C-alpha atoms as a PDB file:
ATOM      1  CA  MET A   1      11.283  27.275   0.905  1.00  0.00           C
ATOM      2  CA  ILE A   2      14.859  27.160   2.214  1.00  0.00           C
ATOM      3  CA  HIS A   3      16.886  30.372   2.427  1.00  0.00           C
ATOM      4  CA  ASN A   4      20.545  30.889   3.312  1.00  0.00           C
ATOM      5  CA  LEU A   5      21.820  33.873   5.329  1.00  0.00           C
ATOM      6  CA  PHE A   6      25.023  33.940   3.270  1.00  0.00           C
ATOM      7  CA  ASP A   7      23.311  34.118  -0.143  1.00  0.00           C
ATOM      8  CA  ASN A   8      23.437  37.297  -2.226  1.00  0.00           C
ATOM      9  CA  LEU A   9      25.790  39.256   0.011  1.00  0.00           C
ATOM     10  CA  PRO A  10      26.898  42.483  -1.677  1.00  0.00           C
ATOM     11  CA  GLU A  11      30.604  43.319  -1.831  1.00  0.00           C
ATOM     12  CA  SER A  12      29.977  47.037  -1.466  1.00  0.00           C
ATOM     13  CA  LEU A  13      27.029  49.167  -0.401  1.00  0.00           C
ATOM     14  CA  PRO A  14      26.313  52.894  -0.308  1.00  0.00           C
ATOM     15  CA  GLU A  15      24.723  52.384   3.139  1.00  0.00           C
ATOM     16  CA  GLU A  16      23.893  49.648   5.630  1.00  0.00           C
ATOM     17  CA  LEU A  17      21.371  47.122   4.276  1.00  0.00           C
ATOM     18  CA  VAL A  18      18.662  45.922   6.693  1.00  0.00           C
ATOM     19  CA  GLU A  19      16.386  43.069   5.609  1.00  0.00           C
ATOM     20  CA  VAL A  20      13.502  41.885   7.797  1.00  0.00           C
ATOM     21  CA  LEU A  21      13.480  38.076   7.623  1.00  0.00           C
ATOM     22  CA  ALA A  22      10.487  37.466   9.906  1.00  0.00           C
ATOM     23  CA  GLU A  23       8.327  39.455  12.297  1.00  0.00           C
ATOM     24  CA  ASN A  24       5.158  39.527  14.314  1.00  0.00           C
ATOM     25  CA  ARG A  25       3.934  41.699  17.204  1.00  0.00           C
ATOM     26  CA  GLN A  26       6.442  40.181  19.661  1.00  0.00           C
ATOM     27  CA  VAL A  27       9.640  39.668  17.634  1.00  0.00           C
ATOM     28  CA  ARG A  28      11.504  40.950  14.573  1.00  0.00           C
ATOM     29  CA  ILE A  29      14.467  39.164  12.971  1.00  0.00           C
ATOM     30  CA  GLU A  30      16.779  41.150  10.693  1.00  0.00           C
ATOM     31  CA  ARG A  31      19.742  40.371   8.468  1.00  0.00           C
ATOM     32  CA  ILE A  32      22.034  43.406   8.448  1.00  0.00           C
ATOM     33  CA  THR A  33      24.850  43.804   5.932  1.00  0.00           C
ATOM     34  CA  THR A  34      27.598  46.413   6.157  1.00  0.00           C
ATOM     35  CA  THR A  35      30.692  47.123   4.073  1.00  0.00           C
ATOM     36  CA  GLY A  36      32.480  49.703   6.204  1.00  0.00           C
ATOM     37  CA  GLN A  37      29.399  51.670   7.269  1.00  0.00           C
ATOM     38  CA  HIS A  38      29.016  52.929  10.824  1.00  0.00           C
ATOM     39  CA  SER A  39      26.715  55.215  12.790  1.00  0.00           C
ATOM     40  CA  PRO A  40      27.258  58.983  12.554  1.00  0.00           C
ATOM     41  CA  PRO A  41      29.393  60.311  15.468  1.00  0.00           C
ATOM     42  CA  ASP A  42      26.501  61.909  17.374  1.00  0.00           C
ATOM     43  CA  PHE A  43      23.881  59.234  16.614  1.00  0.00           C
ATOM     44  CA  TRP A  44      22.705  56.718  19.238  1.00  0.00           C
ATOM     45  CA  TYR A  45      20.247  53.841  18.873  1.00  0.00           C
ATOM     46  CA  ASP A  46      17.768  54.047  21.749  1.00  0.00           C
ATOM     47  CA  GLN A  47      15.133  51.377  21.199  1.00  0.00           C
ATOM     48  CA  ALA A  48      12.281  50.209  23.392  1.00  0.00           C
ATOM     49  CA  GLU A  49      12.953  46.490  22.881  1.00  0.00           C
ATOM     50  CA  TYR A  50      15.762  44.072  23.632  1.00  0.00           C
ATOM     51  CA  GLU A  51      18.224  43.474  20.799  1.00  0.00           C
ATOM     52  CA  TRP A  52      20.125  40.220  20.583  1.00  0.00           C
ATOM     53  CA  VAL A  53      22.719  40.553  17.838  1.00  0.00           C
ATOM     54  CA  VAL A  54      25.354  38.153  16.505  1.00  0.00           C
ATOM     55  CA  LEU A  55      28.113  38.954  14.042  1.00  0.00           C
ATOM     56  CA  LEU A  56      28.293  36.093  11.548  1.00  0.00           C
ATOM     57  CA  ARG A  57      30.981  37.461   9.240  1.00  0.00           C
ATOM     58  CA  GLY A  58      33.547  40.284   9.390  1.00  0.00           C
ATOM     59  CA  ARG A  59      34.627  42.406  12.346  1.00  0.00           C
ATOM     60  CA  ALA A  60      32.887  45.350  13.989  1.00  0.00           C
ATOM     61  CA  GLU A  61      32.876  47.495  17.097  1.00  0.00           C
ATOM     62  CA  ILE A  62      29.821  48.612  19.059  1.00  0.00           C
ATOM     63  CA  ALA A  63      30.144  51.721  21.258  1.00  0.00           C
ATOM     64  CA  PHE A  64      27.905  52.471  24.224  1.00  0.00           C
ATOM     65  CA  GLN A  65      27.019  55.894  25.587  1.00  0.00           C
ATOM     66  CA  ASP A  66      28.806  55.069  28.868  1.00  0.00           C
ATOM     67  CA  GLY A  67      32.096  55.048  26.893  1.00  0.00           C
ATOM     68  CA  SER A  68      32.557  51.274  26.712  1.00  0.00           C
ATOM     69  CA  ARG A  69      33.154  49.482  23.423  1.00  0.00           C
ATOM     70  CA  LYS A  70      32.846  45.863  22.348  1.00  0.00           C
ATOM     71  CA  LEU A  71      34.922  44.472  19.466  1.00  0.00           C
ATOM     72  CA  LEU A  72      32.986  41.703  17.716  1.00  0.00           C
ATOM     73  CA  GLN A  73      34.393  38.885  15.622  1.00  0.00           C
ATOM     74  CA  PRO A  74      32.465  36.099  13.854  1.00  0.00           C
ATOM     75  CA  GLY A  75      30.314  34.227  16.355  1.00  0.00           C
ATOM     76  CA  ASP A  76      30.338  36.972  19.003  1.00  0.00           C
ATOM     77  CA  TYR A  77      26.926  38.091  20.223  1.00  0.00           C
ATOM     78  CA  LEU A  78      25.460  40.689  22.586  1.00  0.00           C
ATOM     79  CA  LEU A  79      22.171  41.236  24.358  1.00  0.00           C
ATOM     80  CA  ILE A  80      21.444  44.957  24.419  1.00  0.00           C
ATOM     81  CA  PRO A  81      18.743  45.922  26.945  1.00  0.00           C
ATOM     82  CA  PRO A  82      16.002  48.417  26.104  1.00  0.00           C
ATOM     83  CA  HIS A  83      17.142  52.054  26.058  1.00  0.00           C
ATOM     84  CA  GLN A  84      20.840  51.193  26.358  1.00  0.00           C
ATOM     85  CA  ARG A  85      22.133  53.805  23.961  1.00  0.00           C
ATOM     86  CA  HIS A  86      24.595  52.323  21.484  1.00  0.00           C
ATOM     87  CA  ARG A  87      25.995  52.838  18.015  1.00  0.00           C
ATOM     88  CA  VAL A  88      28.028  50.994  15.415  1.00  0.00           C
ATOM     89  CA  HIS A  89      31.437  52.595  15.894  1.00  0.00           C
ATOM     90  CA  TRP A  90      33.259  50.694  13.141  1.00  0.00           C
ATOM     91  CA  THR A  91      32.807  47.833  10.679  1.00  0.00           C
ATOM     92  CA  GLU A  92      35.456  46.086   8.604  1.00  0.00           C
ATOM     93  CA  PRO A  93      35.853  48.246   5.474  1.00  0.00           C
ATOM     94  CA  ASN A  94      37.489  45.541   3.325  1.00  0.00           C
ATOM     95  CA  GLU A  95      35.039  42.739   4.023  1.00  0.00           C
ATOM     96  CA  THR A  96      31.295  42.316   3.992  1.00  0.00           C
ATOM     97  CA  CYS A  97      30.022  42.158   7.577  1.00  0.00           C
ATOM     98  CA  LEU A  98      26.917  40.091   8.212  1.00  0.00           C
ATOM     99  CA  TRP A  99      24.785  40.496  11.337  1.00  0.00           C
ATOM    100  CA  LEU A 100      21.698  38.691  12.581  1.00  0.00           C
ATOM    101  CA  ALA A 101      19.596  40.794  14.963  1.00  0.00           C
ATOM    102  CA  ILE A 102      16.577  39.663  16.958  1.00  0.00           C
ATOM    103  CA  PHE A 103      14.417  42.321  18.593  1.00  0.00           C
ATOM    104  CA  TYR A 104      11.826  41.405  21.219  1.00  0.00           C
ATOM    105  CA  ALA A 105       9.587  43.133  23.742  1.00  0.00           C
ATOM    106  CA  CYS A 106      10.702  43.975  27.284  1.00  0.00           C
ATOM    107  CA  ASP A 107       8.118  41.769  28.987  1.00  0.00           C
ATOM    108  CA  GLN A 108       9.500  38.678  27.214  1.00  0.00           C
ATOM    109  CA  ALA A 109      13.115  38.949  28.290  1.00  0.00           C
ATOM    110  CA  SER A 110      14.918  36.378  30.319  1.00  0.00           C
ATOM    111  CA  ASP A 111      18.215  37.938  31.377  1.00  0.00           C
END
């Protein structure tokens, strides 16, 4: 069956929508949709796996605990190493933002 990442995108959401598209013990692939949502000010993601994330639609900003920030536009992607504390600082409030995130174990990384 063929699926399309751009199908059934909501125009507004009460909170971020995370959909697991595929997973096994080594990898998890998620479609993440936001419509202006962002992480709470004192919240930090601190995960044990690598996260490769690409912004497919919209604009967003990722903040890191070291004070740096990365503004993402469609097509921009990041590789976030394990335990690099980060948060979604801002997402475009007037447009649906679409992310594709791939999480994989530390021992499988090729930096």
